[in-house]
Amino acid sequence: MDITKVRYSLILLFGFVFFIPSGSFVVATAKACAAFALFYFLPGVFLSKKLLDKCNLLSGSVLAVLVGVCFHIVYVYFLGFCGISFNMYVLLAPGIVCAVLADYYKVQLPKNDPRELYLVLAGVIFFLLTYNLAPGEDANGHLMVITMILEENSVPVTYTLYPELSLSYHMGFHVIVSEIEYTTGVGTLLSVTGSLFGVFVIFSSYLCVKSFYTEKAGLISGILVGFGVLPPLYYLSYGAYASIVLFVIQPLVIFLLYSKDFSGVPLLSLVLAAGVMSHSSFLLFWIPLLTFFEKYKMLIPSFVLSLVLSIPHLVRIQSSYSLQEVVQLYHLWYVPEVFRVQMVAERIGLLVFVCGILGFIFLKRREFIFFLVWVLSLLFLALTSVVDVEFPFWFVLFANRLVDFMVIPLAFVASIFVSEIGKKKYYLLVLLLVLPLVPHFYSIPRSSDGLLFPTDSPEFAADQEGIVWLLQNTDESVIILNDWWTGTGSSWITSLGMRRLIFPFLYVHDHFLDILDIPEKSRDILWVGLTPDSEESHELLTNWGVDYIFL
């Protein structure tokens, strides 16, 4: 039955848990749930009030949370842009206002649909399988950004340890993790929050495909994206959480465009801006969106307004690269990841790819053009790595990532193929597509408790003991010479120990390789390694201001 008597202002009563002293798992969990309800659900349910009738109870509630997440990303960015630090009252303010407005406008949640319980079950299984994955190397940079946000209670402009470097990284995911950690008082929630966004990918995929095809195809798409393709699991394991947020927001945008009688330019602009603030590759998604010719009256104003809303992030971007940086990017990532045909099978899965291609025959003209442009635009950019075509920023478009991004449109079209071919036995085809990924879920490294950060590596656990010693015995102003900026436990000193390194792991597009003279120092360090007690080595270490060596 329809749920009509919802008093959203009563949900605000859950805010009392924020004033309970932290210290137990139960209290921390209660605070996290209250944060999602008050920070995200309440603003989202009001902002998406015209869309709730396109959903059912469970999917509508998740939709509200996703819209609220997008709102908070833009909200906190603008607070930082205006020089305002957030606190509990600042974070609660939008939820309080939206709860009152939702009650005033008598916003109703939609009816329940038992079939959506399958998605809930899938989400619970996915979360239980991924929440304790051992975070990979990318988590190093994410952890440092979150630490800086929590130090300043704002989106930072520069690196705390490297004030000479401007921070331009897309921090949408970090804003949400920081809010939850700030609320609960629990650190290192990277993996748990990343896994939760993986669950959101399942629901946003369902909403997307359901909006332009059928509910059955939507259910299948949610299952396939969660359990039938490798990139979401790979990104969670590697620590590339921003890409998971990208996978959440792209289907959400499509859902908004396909919702009939919806002309909410402000809401679409908000979601588009959150996408830009969450992943720089979201701009590539604008290419297929421009094929919605009949939606231009809504799209064009939305694009323009989204750019305005994205100003706090766009003003940070540093688009000029030195020749030295281009060479470094080319040799470190571009050349090793040149497009290979095997990437399709390795990263997407051969069965999903074939079903995705065959699924195009069931698409109407509108969807056929959109998904074809989406896939081909990514494939074309990936293929440019083979023929060495140079165009603006060609050296930052890595073929492996572009192939990974093809997984969302192909999985959606594959779900349509399975729903049409499988008929009443579609679950057998779904099982066939899911089975190849079972070994990956089983074999992927799980984390255990580390002194400072969860890890599955005995070597990294030993490195953490050294970092603890630095925390206990050194001043925050010390400078440490470490092995290298990537692939070493010592590179985590910046994020776990908050001490300045000679070779830090930072966002490469913040030009730290150039500004910190990493290539030149990497050559000089060879001399130090060969003759550590020589006068030349001592002079180098003195010039760099090195206080300790961590190898």
Protein backbone atom coordinates (compact mmCIF):
# COMPACT_ATOMS: atom_id res chain seq x y z
CA MET A 1 0.00 0.00 0.00
CA ASP A 2 1.06 3.62 -0.45
CA ILE A 3 2.91 5.16 2.43
CA THR A 4 1.31 8.57 2.82
CA LYS A 5 1.78 9.59 6.45
CA VAL A 6 5.50 10.18 6.69
CA ARG A 7 6.64 12.84 9.14
CA TYR A 8 10.15 13.55 7.96
CA SER A 9 10.76 16.00 10.78
CA LEU A 10 10.49 13.11 13.23
CA ILE A 11 13.57 11.55 11.61
CA LEU A 12 15.50 14.51 12.99
CA LEU A 13 15.08 12.98 16.45
CA PHE A 14 17.74 10.45 15.48
CA GLY A 15 20.19 13.33 15.72
CA PHE A 16 20.44 12.76 19.47
CA VAL A 17 22.88 9.89 18.83
CA PHE A 18 25.45 12.41 17.61
CA PHE A 19 25.78 13.64 21.19
CA ILE A 20 26.43 10.18 22.65
CA PRO A 21 30.14 9.70 23.37
CA SER A 22 31.77 7.36 20.88
CA GLY A 23 33.62 4.29 22.01
CA SER A 24 31.69 1.23 20.94
CA PHE A 25 30.82 -0.42 17.65
CA VAL A 26 27.09 -0.08 18.36
CA VAL A 27 27.31 3.68 18.95
CA ALA A 28 29.48 4.20 15.87
CA THR A 29 27.05 2.19 13.72
CA ALA A 30 24.09 4.15 15.09
CA LYS A 31 25.85 7.43 14.29
CA ALA A 32 26.65 6.27 10.76
CA CYS A 33 23.01 5.29 10.15
CA ALA A 34 21.81 8.61 11.56
CA ALA A 35 24.27 10.45 9.32
CA PHE A 36 22.94 8.73 6.21
CA ALA A 37 19.37 9.51 7.27
CA LEU A 38 19.90 13.15 8.25
CA PHE A 39 22.73 14.21 5.93
CA TYR A 40 21.68 12.41 2.75
CA PHE A 41 18.19 10.90 2.88
CA LEU A 42 16.33 14.02 4.07
CA PRO A 43 17.83 16.46 1.53
CA GLY A 44 17.53 13.81 -1.17
CA VAL A 45 13.90 12.94 -0.52
CA PHE A 46 12.90 16.58 -0.93
CA LEU A 47 15.08 17.28 -3.97
CA SER A 48 13.85 14.11 -5.72
CA LYS A 49 10.20 14.44 -4.70
CA LYS A 50 9.00 14.51 -8.33
CA LEU A 51 10.87 11.30 -9.09
CA LEU A 52 9.74 9.11 -6.21
CA ASP A 53 6.62 7.95 -8.05
CA LYS A 54 8.95 6.42 -10.68
CA CYS A 55 10.39 4.15 -7.98
CA ASN A 56 9.28 1.75 -5.31
CA LEU A 57 9.92 2.07 -1.60
CA LEU A 58 13.41 0.55 -1.47
CA SER A 59 14.74 1.98 -4.72
CA GLY A 60 13.13 5.35 -3.95
CA SER A 61 14.86 5.46 -0.58
CA VAL A 62 18.22 4.66 -2.20
CA LEU A 63 17.51 7.30 -4.87
CA ALA A 64 16.96 9.86 -2.11
CA VAL A 65 20.26 8.89 -0.46
CA LEU A 66 22.14 9.14 -3.78
CA VAL A 67 20.70 12.58 -4.52
CA GLY A 68 21.57 13.62 -0.96
CA VAL A 69 25.13 12.38 -1.45
CA CYS A 70 25.43 14.46 -4.63
CA PHE A 71 24.06 17.47 -2.79
CA HIS A 72 26.56 17.13 0.06
CA ILE A 73 29.50 16.80 -2.32
CA VAL A 74 28.61 20.13 -3.95
CA TYR A 75 27.60 21.66 -0.59
CA VAL A 76 30.91 20.92 1.17
CA TYR A 77 32.90 22.02 -1.88
CA PHE A 78 31.10 25.37 -1.83
CA LEU A 79 31.63 25.72 1.92
CA GLY A 80 35.36 25.30 1.35
CA PHE A 81 35.26 27.70 -1.59
CA CYS A 82 33.70 30.32 0.68
CA GLY A 83 36.19 29.64 3.47
CA ILE A 84 33.60 28.07 5.80
CA SER A 85 34.58 25.06 7.90
CA PHE A 86 31.93 22.43 8.50
CA ASN A 87 30.75 21.21 11.88
CA MET A 88 27.84 19.06 13.04
CA TYR A 89 25.34 21.91 12.84
CA VAL A 90 26.47 22.98 9.37
CA LEU A 91 26.15 19.39 8.14
CA LEU A 92 22.71 18.98 9.72
CA ALA A 93 21.29 22.28 8.43
CA PRO A 94 20.26 21.07 4.92
CA GLY A 95 18.56 17.99 6.38
CA ILE A 96 16.59 20.07 8.87
CA VAL A 97 15.41 22.51 6.20
CA CYS A 98 14.52 19.75 3.74
CA ALA A 99 12.65 17.74 6.39
CA VAL A 100 10.44 20.75 7.13
CA LEU A 101 9.88 21.39 3.41
CA ALA A 102 9.12 17.71 2.74
CA ASP A 103 6.47 17.76 5.45
CA TYR A 104 5.07 21.04 4.14
CA TYR A 105 4.77 19.71 0.58
CA LYS A 106 3.55 16.33 1.88
CA VAL A 107 6.15 14.33 0.00
CA GLN A 108 5.12 10.69 -0.10
CA LEU A 109 7.31 7.65 -0.36
CA PRO A 110 6.20 5.15 -3.03
CA LYS A 111 4.70 1.72 -2.44
CA ASN A 112 6.80 -1.33 -1.72
CA ASP A 113 7.65 -3.94 -4.35
CA PRO A 114 8.80 -7.32 -2.94
CA ARG A 115 10.88 -7.96 -6.07
CA GLU A 116 13.29 -5.25 -5.00
CA LEU A 117 14.20 -7.43 -2.04
CA TYR A 118 16.36 -9.36 -4.52
CA LEU A 119 18.43 -6.20 -4.92
CA VAL A 120 18.67 -5.80 -1.16
CA LEU A 121 19.89 -9.39 -0.89
CA ALA A 122 22.41 -8.78 -3.69
CA GLY A 123 23.59 -5.60 -1.97
CA VAL A 124 24.04 -7.32 1.38
CA ILE A 125 26.00 -10.17 -0.23
CA PHE A 126 28.19 -7.72 -2.17
CA PHE A 127 28.90 -5.70 0.97
CA LEU A 128 29.79 -8.78 3.02
CA LEU A 129 32.13 -9.97 0.26
CA THR A 130 33.94 -6.65 -0.15
CA TYR A 131 33.88 -4.57 3.04
CA ASN A 132 37.12 -6.11 4.33
CA LEU A 133 39.15 -6.08 1.12
CA ALA A 134 42.78 -5.13 1.64
CA PRO A 135 43.01 -1.55 0.28
CA GLY A 136 45.51 -1.21 -2.54
CA GLU A 137 48.06 1.46 -3.31
CA ASP A 138 45.56 4.11 -4.42
CA ALA A 139 44.14 4.12 -0.89
CA ASN A 140 47.37 5.82 0.20
CA GLY A 141 46.51 9.05 -1.59
CA HIS A 142 42.83 8.87 -0.59
CA LEU A 143 43.74 8.45 3.07
CA MET A 144 45.94 11.53 3.04
CA VAL A 145 43.22 13.68 1.44
CA ILE A 146 40.64 12.53 4.00
CA THR A 147 43.07 13.27 6.83
CA MET A 148 43.55 16.80 5.50
CA ILE A 149 39.79 17.36 5.15
CA LEU A 150 39.25 16.28 8.76
CA GLU A 151 42.12 18.48 9.96
CA GLU A 152 40.65 21.58 8.35
CA ASN A 153 36.95 20.58 8.42
CA SER A 154 36.97 21.81 4.86
CA VAL A 155 38.08 20.84 1.36
CA PRO A 156 41.81 21.75 1.41
CA VAL A 157 43.40 23.99 -1.20
CA THR A 158 46.98 22.78 -0.78
CA TYR A 159 48.69 19.74 0.71
CA THR A 160 49.36 20.21 4.42
CA LEU A 161 52.87 18.75 4.15
CA TYR A 162 53.57 20.32 0.76
CA PRO A 163 52.06 23.83 0.77
CA GLU A 164 53.85 24.55 -2.51
CA LEU A 165 51.47 22.10 -4.22
CA SER A 166 47.88 23.02 -5.07
CA LEU A 167 45.36 20.21 -4.53
CA SER A 168 43.18 19.63 -7.60
CA TYR A 169 42.13 16.02 -7.00
CA HIS A 170 38.40 15.29 -7.38
CA MET A 171 37.31 14.85 -3.76
CA GLY A 172 33.65 13.86 -4.01
CA PHE A 173 34.18 10.45 -2.42
CA HIS A 174 36.52 11.90 0.19
CA VAL A 175 33.90 14.43 1.28
CA ILE A 176 31.43 11.64 2.08
CA VAL A 177 34.00 9.48 3.89
CA SER A 178 35.17 12.51 5.88
CA GLU A 179 31.62 13.33 6.96
CA ILE A 180 31.03 9.77 8.16
CA GLU A 181 34.39 9.60 9.97
CA TYR A 182 33.80 13.04 11.50
CA THR A 183 30.37 11.94 12.73
CA THR A 184 31.32 8.52 14.07
CA GLY A 185 34.80 9.28 15.34
CA VAL A 186 36.01 6.13 13.58
CA GLY A 187 38.99 6.37 11.23
CA THR A 188 39.96 4.28 8.20
CA LEU A 189 36.42 3.83 6.84
CA LEU A 190 37.73 3.89 3.28
CA SER A 191 37.07 0.24 2.48
CA VAL A 192 33.67 0.11 4.17
CA THR A 193 32.42 3.27 2.45
CA GLY A 194 33.82 2.11 -0.88
CA SER A 195 31.96 -1.19 -0.50
CA LEU A 196 28.77 0.70 0.32
CA PHE A 197 29.14 2.70 -2.89
CA GLY A 198 29.52 -0.63 -4.67
CA VAL A 199 26.06 -1.48 -3.34
CA PHE A 200 24.82 1.87 -4.65
CA VAL A 201 26.12 0.89 -8.11
CA ILE A 202 23.74 -2.09 -8.03
CA PHE A 203 20.73 0.09 -7.22
CA SER A 204 21.55 2.95 -9.59
CA SER A 205 22.05 0.43 -12.42
CA TYR A 206 18.64 -1.05 -11.65
CA LEU A 207 16.97 2.36 -11.70
CA CYS A 208 18.71 3.30 -14.93
CA VAL A 209 17.83 0.24 -17.03
CA LYS A 210 14.33 0.03 -15.56
CA SER A 211 13.67 3.62 -16.63
CA PHE A 212 14.15 2.95 -20.37
CA TYR A 213 13.47 -0.79 -20.66
CA THR A 214 11.86 -3.19 -18.18
CA GLU A 215 12.05 -3.90 -14.49
CA LYS A 216 13.36 -7.41 -15.19
CA ALA A 217 16.23 -6.02 -17.26
CA GLY A 218 16.90 -3.54 -14.46
CA LEU A 219 17.16 -6.31 -11.87
CA ILE A 220 19.52 -8.25 -14.13
CA SER A 221 21.69 -5.18 -14.73
CA GLY A 222 22.10 -4.64 -10.99
CA ILE A 223 23.23 -8.25 -10.54
CA LEU A 224 25.60 -8.13 -13.54
CA VAL A 225 27.29 -4.89 -12.51
CA GLY A 226 27.80 -6.19 -8.99
CA PHE A 227 28.77 -9.80 -9.65
CA GLY A 228 29.27 -10.32 -13.39
CA VAL A 229 32.04 -7.88 -14.30
CA LEU A 230 35.48 -7.32 -12.81
CA PRO A 231 36.09 -3.52 -12.69
CA PRO A 232 33.97 -2.68 -9.59
CA LEU A 233 35.64 -5.47 -7.59
CA TYR A 234 39.06 -4.54 -9.00
CA TYR A 235 38.68 -0.86 -8.12
CA LEU A 236 37.58 -1.68 -4.57
CA SER A 237 40.59 -3.95 -4.15
CA TYR A 238 43.02 -1.46 -5.68
CA GLY A 239 41.60 1.45 -3.71
CA ALA A 240 40.38 3.41 -6.76
CA TYR A 241 37.19 4.48 -5.00
CA ALA A 242 36.54 7.54 -7.17
CA SER A 243 35.83 5.22 -10.11
CA ILE A 244 33.14 3.46 -8.05
CA VAL A 245 31.44 6.83 -7.49
CA LEU A 246 31.63 7.39 -11.26
CA PHE A 247 29.81 4.07 -11.78
CA VAL A 248 27.09 5.27 -9.38
CA ILE A 249 26.48 8.71 -10.86
CA GLN A 250 26.45 7.81 -14.57
CA PRO A 251 23.35 5.55 -14.30
CA LEU A 252 21.71 8.12 -12.03
CA VAL A 253 22.04 10.78 -14.75
CA ILE A 254 20.45 8.45 -17.32
CA PHE A 255 17.60 7.72 -14.92
CA LEU A 256 16.92 11.45 -14.55
CA LEU A 257 16.89 11.94 -18.32
CA TYR A 258 14.48 9.07 -18.92
CA SER A 259 12.04 10.00 -16.17
CA LYS A 260 8.91 11.22 -17.94
CA ASP A 261 7.46 14.60 -17.08
CA PHE A 262 10.71 15.49 -15.34
CA SER A 263 12.27 18.79 -16.25
CA GLY A 264 14.34 19.45 -13.15
CA VAL A 265 17.29 21.41 -14.48
CA PRO A 266 18.56 22.24 -10.96
CA LEU A 267 18.57 18.59 -9.85
CA LEU A 268 20.21 17.32 -13.05
CA SER A 269 22.80 20.10 -12.78
CA LEU A 270 23.50 19.13 -9.18
CA VAL A 271 24.12 15.48 -10.11
CA LEU A 272 26.28 16.46 -13.11
CA ALA A 273 28.36 18.77 -10.90
CA ALA A 274 28.79 16.02 -8.30
CA GLY A 275 30.03 13.76 -11.11
CA VAL A 276 32.67 16.30 -12.15
CA MET A 277 33.74 16.72 -8.52
CA SER A 278 34.00 12.94 -8.07
CA HIS A 279 35.97 11.87 -11.14
CA SER A 280 37.64 13.84 -13.93
CA SER A 281 36.67 11.15 -16.48
CA PHE A 282 33.02 12.05 -15.89
CA LEU A 283 33.53 14.74 -18.53
CA LEU A 284 33.85 11.94 -21.13
CA PHE A 285 30.29 10.91 -20.26
CA TRP A 286 29.07 14.20 -21.72
CA ILE A 287 29.88 12.85 -25.20
CA PRO A 288 27.04 10.27 -25.29
CA LEU A 289 24.75 12.61 -23.33
CA LEU A 290 24.89 15.07 -26.21
CA THR A 291 23.03 12.52 -28.38
CA PHE A 292 19.84 13.28 -26.41
CA PHE A 293 18.78 15.88 -28.98
CA GLU A 294 15.16 15.91 -27.83
CA LYS A 295 16.33 16.75 -24.29
CA TYR A 296 18.43 19.76 -25.26
CA LYS A 297 15.99 22.19 -23.65
CA MET A 298 16.89 20.57 -20.36
CA LEU A 299 20.43 19.38 -21.11
CA ILE A 300 22.00 22.63 -22.28
CA PRO A 301 20.89 24.70 -19.26
CA SER A 302 21.85 21.76 -17.03
CA PHE A 303 25.34 21.60 -18.52
CA VAL A 304 25.83 25.33 -18.06
CA LEU A 305 24.50 25.34 -14.50
CA SER A 306 26.56 22.26 -13.62
CA LEU A 307 29.70 24.12 -14.70
CA VAL A 308 28.70 26.98 -12.42
CA LEU A 309 28.14 24.56 -9.53
CA SER A 310 31.50 22.92 -10.33
CA ILE A 311 33.44 26.19 -10.04
CA PRO A 312 34.89 25.30 -6.59
CA HIS A 313 36.51 22.28 -8.24
CA LEU A 314 37.21 23.65 -11.73
CA VAL A 315 39.24 26.60 -10.43
CA ARG A 316 41.67 24.10 -8.89
CA ILE A 317 42.49 22.29 -12.14
CA GLN A 318 46.00 22.92 -13.46
CA SER A 319 45.91 22.12 -17.15
CA SER A 320 49.52 22.85 -18.11
CA TYR A 321 52.06 20.01 -18.10
CA SER A 322 55.80 20.39 -18.47
CA LEU A 323 57.68 18.26 -20.99
CA GLN A 324 59.27 16.37 -18.09
CA GLU A 325 55.82 15.48 -16.71
CA VAL A 326 54.53 14.34 -20.10
CA VAL A 327 57.55 12.04 -20.45
CA GLN A 328 57.00 10.63 -16.96
CA LEU A 329 53.28 9.98 -17.56
CA TYR A 330 54.04 8.46 -20.94
CA HIS A 331 56.59 5.97 -19.67
CA LEU A 332 55.00 5.16 -16.29
CA TRP A 333 51.41 4.53 -17.41
CA TYR A 334 50.62 5.32 -21.03
CA VAL A 335 53.08 2.90 -22.69
CA PRO A 336 52.54 -0.03 -20.28
CA GLU A 337 48.78 0.25 -20.77
CA VAL A 338 48.60 0.53 -24.57
CA PHE A 339 45.34 -0.97 -25.81
CA ARG A 340 45.36 -4.71 -26.41
CA VAL A 341 42.44 -6.82 -27.61
CA GLN A 342 42.93 -9.08 -24.59
CA MET A 343 41.90 -6.18 -22.34
CA VAL A 344 38.27 -6.69 -23.34
CA ALA A 345 38.25 -10.29 -22.10
CA GLU A 346 40.45 -9.57 -19.08
CA ARG A 347 38.66 -6.48 -17.77
CA ILE A 348 35.07 -6.79 -19.03
CA GLY A 349 34.64 -10.51 -19.55
CA LEU A 350 34.13 -12.25 -22.88
CA LEU A 351 30.58 -13.45 -22.14
CA VAL A 352 29.39 -10.03 -20.96
CA PHE A 353 31.04 -8.38 -23.96
CA VAL A 354 29.35 -10.78 -26.42
CA CYS A 355 25.96 -10.42 -24.72
CA GLY A 356 26.42 -6.66 -24.70
CA ILE A 357 27.10 -6.55 -28.44
CA LEU A 358 24.16 -8.86 -29.20
CA GLY A 359 21.90 -6.82 -26.93
CA PHE A 360 22.06 -3.85 -29.29
CA ILE A 361 19.55 -5.60 -31.59
CA PHE A 362 16.86 -5.17 -28.91
CA LEU A 363 17.43 -1.45 -28.39
CA LYS A 364 15.21 1.23 -29.84
CA ARG A 365 16.79 3.89 -32.03
CA ARG A 366 17.15 6.39 -29.18
CA GLU A 367 18.95 3.94 -26.86
CA PHE A 368 20.89 2.33 -29.72
CA ILE A 369 22.53 5.64 -30.64
CA PHE A 370 23.23 6.60 -27.03
CA PHE A 371 24.89 3.34 -25.97
CA LEU A 372 26.74 2.97 -29.27
CA VAL A 373 28.26 6.45 -28.94
CA TRP A 374 29.08 5.75 -25.28
CA VAL A 375 30.96 2.54 -26.06
CA LEU A 376 32.62 3.72 -29.29
CA SER A 377 33.82 7.02 -27.82
CA LEU A 378 35.67 5.16 -25.06
CA LEU A 379 36.95 2.52 -27.49
CA PHE A 380 38.18 5.17 -29.94
CA LEU A 381 40.12 6.99 -27.21
CA ALA A 382 41.63 3.68 -26.09
CA LEU A 383 42.66 2.83 -29.66
CA THR A 384 44.54 6.12 -30.04
CA SER A 385 47.21 4.64 -27.77
CA VAL A 386 47.99 2.07 -30.48
CA VAL A 387 48.54 4.58 -33.30
CA ASP A 388 50.22 7.27 -31.16
CA VAL A 389 47.71 9.98 -32.05
CA GLU A 390 48.41 13.17 -30.11
CA PHE A 391 45.67 15.59 -29.09
CA PRO A 392 45.10 17.74 -26.00
CA PHE A 393 45.76 15.67 -22.84
CA TRP A 394 46.25 12.43 -24.78
CA PHE A 395 48.90 11.36 -22.28
CA VAL A 396 46.42 11.19 -19.36
CA LEU A 397 43.93 8.88 -21.13
CA PHE A 398 45.07 5.38 -20.22
CA ALA A 399 43.63 2.57 -22.33
CA ASN A 400 43.05 0.18 -19.44
CA ARG A 401 40.86 2.69 -17.59
CA LEU A 402 38.91 3.52 -20.76
CA VAL A 403 38.19 -0.17 -21.32
CA ASP A 404 37.06 -0.45 -17.70
CA PHE A 405 34.63 2.42 -18.21
CA MET A 406 33.03 0.51 -21.11
CA VAL A 407 31.78 -2.07 -18.64
CA ILE A 408 28.75 -0.05 -17.50
CA PRO A 409 27.10 0.48 -20.92
CA LEU A 410 27.98 -3.06 -22.05
CA ALA A 411 26.61 -4.60 -18.85
CA PHE A 412 23.37 -2.63 -19.26
CA VAL A 413 22.87 -3.77 -22.84
CA ALA A 414 23.88 -7.33 -21.87
CA SER A 415 21.15 -7.33 -19.22
CA ILE A 416 18.60 -6.46 -21.91
CA PHE A 417 19.87 -9.31 -24.06
CA VAL A 418 19.60 -11.77 -21.16
CA SER A 419 16.09 -10.61 -20.26
CA GLU A 420 14.89 -11.07 -23.84
CA ILE A 421 16.65 -14.33 -24.68
CA GLY A 422 16.31 -15.98 -21.29
CA LYS A 423 12.57 -15.34 -20.96
CA LYS A 424 11.44 -17.16 -17.79
CA LYS A 425 14.80 -18.97 -17.51
CA TYR A 426 16.86 -15.78 -17.53
CA TYR A 427 18.32 -16.59 -14.12
CA LEU A 428 20.26 -19.46 -15.69
CA LEU A 429 21.97 -17.05 -18.08
CA VAL A 430 22.65 -14.66 -15.21
CA LEU A 431 24.25 -17.50 -13.28
CA LEU A 432 26.38 -18.34 -16.32
CA LEU A 433 27.63 -14.74 -16.47
CA VAL A 434 28.29 -14.55 -12.73
CA LEU A 435 30.17 -17.84 -12.30
CA PRO A 436 33.47 -16.67 -13.91
CA LEU A 437 33.80 -13.98 -11.25
CA VAL A 438 33.36 -16.33 -8.27
CA PRO A 439 37.09 -17.23 -8.11
CA HIS A 440 37.97 -13.53 -8.05
CA PHE A 441 35.72 -12.89 -5.04
CA TYR A 442 37.22 -15.94 -3.34
CA SER A 443 40.90 -15.20 -4.01
CA ILE A 444 41.05 -11.43 -3.62
CA PRO A 445 43.22 -10.35 -0.63
CA ARG A 446 41.43 -9.67 2.64
CA SER A 447 42.76 -7.25 5.22
CA SER A 448 43.69 -7.93 8.79
CA ASP A 449 44.34 -5.46 11.55
CA GLY A 450 47.45 -3.35 11.15
CA LEU A 451 48.90 -0.97 13.71
CA LEU A 452 47.68 2.03 11.70
CA PHE A 453 45.84 0.69 8.65
CA PRO A 454 44.32 -2.65 7.55
CA THR A 455 46.64 -4.73 5.41
CA ASP A 456 47.20 -8.26 4.11
CA SER A 457 50.95 -7.73 3.68
CA PRO A 458 53.46 -8.73 6.40
CA GLU A 459 55.96 -6.32 4.82
CA PHE A 460 53.55 -3.40 5.05
CA ALA A 461 52.67 -4.40 8.63
CA ALA A 462 56.39 -4.18 9.44
CA ASP A 463 56.58 -0.78 7.72
CA GLN A 464 53.73 0.39 9.94
CA GLU A 465 55.81 -0.45 13.01
CA GLY A 466 58.47 1.91 11.68
CA ILE A 467 55.86 4.60 11.01
CA VAL A 468 54.59 4.24 14.60
CA TRP A 469 58.16 4.83 15.80
CA LEU A 470 58.33 8.00 13.71
CA LEU A 471 55.04 9.20 15.20
CA GLN A 472 56.31 8.63 18.72
CA ASN A 473 59.86 9.90 18.35
CA THR A 474 59.97 12.63 15.70
CA ASP A 475 58.61 16.12 15.27
CA GLU A 476 55.97 16.84 12.62
CA SER A 477 58.41 19.12 10.78
CA VAL A 478 60.99 16.41 10.00
CA ILE A 479 61.84 15.41 6.44
CA ILE A 480 62.36 11.74 5.62
CA LEU A 481 64.18 10.15 2.70
CA ASN A 482 62.26 7.07 1.57
CA ASP A 483 62.61 4.38 -1.12
CA TRP A 484 60.30 5.69 -3.83
CA TRP A 485 56.91 7.31 -4.27
CA THR A 486 55.00 4.27 -5.52
CA GLY A 487 55.00 0.56 -4.71
CA THR A 488 56.70 0.92 -1.31
CA GLY A 489 55.49 0.89 2.28
CA SER A 490 57.57 3.97 3.00
CA SER A 491 55.39 6.07 0.69
CA TRP A 492 52.55 5.69 3.23
CA ILE A 493 54.41 7.82 5.78
CA THR A 494 52.71 10.97 4.45
CA SER A 495 49.19 9.57 4.98
CA LEU A 496 49.74 7.44 8.12
CA GLY A 497 52.51 9.41 9.81
CA MET A 498 51.91 12.92 8.45
CA ARG A 499 55.62 13.45 7.90
CA ARG A 500 57.12 15.01 4.79
CA LEU A 501 58.86 12.62 2.39
CA ILE A 502 61.34 13.24 -0.39
CA PHE A 503 59.33 10.86 -2.60
CA PRO A 504 55.65 11.20 -1.56
CA PHE A 505 52.65 9.43 -3.10
CA LEU A 506 50.48 12.34 -4.28
CA TYR A 507 48.01 13.03 -7.08
CA VAL A 508 50.19 13.03 -10.18
CA HIS A 509 48.12 15.74 -11.91
CA ASP A 510 48.99 18.15 -9.11
CA HIS A 511 52.40 18.27 -10.82
CA PHE A 512 54.34 17.05 -7.79
CA LEU A 513 56.75 15.17 -10.07
CA ASP A 514 57.81 18.49 -11.58
CA ILE A 515 57.52 20.85 -8.60
CA LEU A 516 59.31 18.51 -6.17
CA ASP A 517 61.97 17.59 -8.77
CA ILE A 518 61.25 13.88 -8.39
CA PRO A 519 63.07 12.73 -11.60
CA GLU A 520 66.22 14.68 -10.72
CA LYS A 521 66.21 13.48 -7.11
CA SER A 522 65.65 9.90 -8.27
CA ARG A 523 68.93 10.14 -10.21
CA ASP A 524 70.77 11.73 -7.29
CA ILE A 525 69.56 9.07 -4.87
CA LEU A 526 71.53 6.48 -6.82
CA TRP A 527 74.70 8.27 -5.77
CA VAL A 528 73.59 8.24 -2.14
CA GLY A 529 72.92 4.51 -2.38
CA LEU A 530 76.34 3.78 -3.88
CA THR A 531 78.40 6.03 -1.59
CA PRO A 532 76.28 6.86 1.48
CA ASP A 533 79.22 8.21 3.51
CA SER A 534 80.74 10.37 0.79
CA GLU A 535 80.89 14.15 1.01
CA GLU A 536 78.65 14.44 -2.06
CA SER A 537 75.97 12.27 -0.45
CA HIS A 538 76.04 14.27 2.77
CA GLU A 539 75.76 17.48 0.77
CA LEU A 540 72.72 16.16 -1.11
CA LEU A 541 70.98 15.09 2.09
CA THR A 542 71.74 18.46 3.67
CA ASN A 543 70.38 20.35 0.67
CA TRP A 544 67.19 18.29 0.81
CA GLY A 545 66.87 18.90 4.55
CA VAL A 546 66.73 15.17 5.32
CA ASP A 547 66.45 14.30 9.03
CA TYR A 548 65.78 10.56 8.78
CA ILE A 549 66.16 7.79 6.21
CA PHE A 550 63.38 5.17 5.99
CA LEU A 551 64.20 2.25 3.69
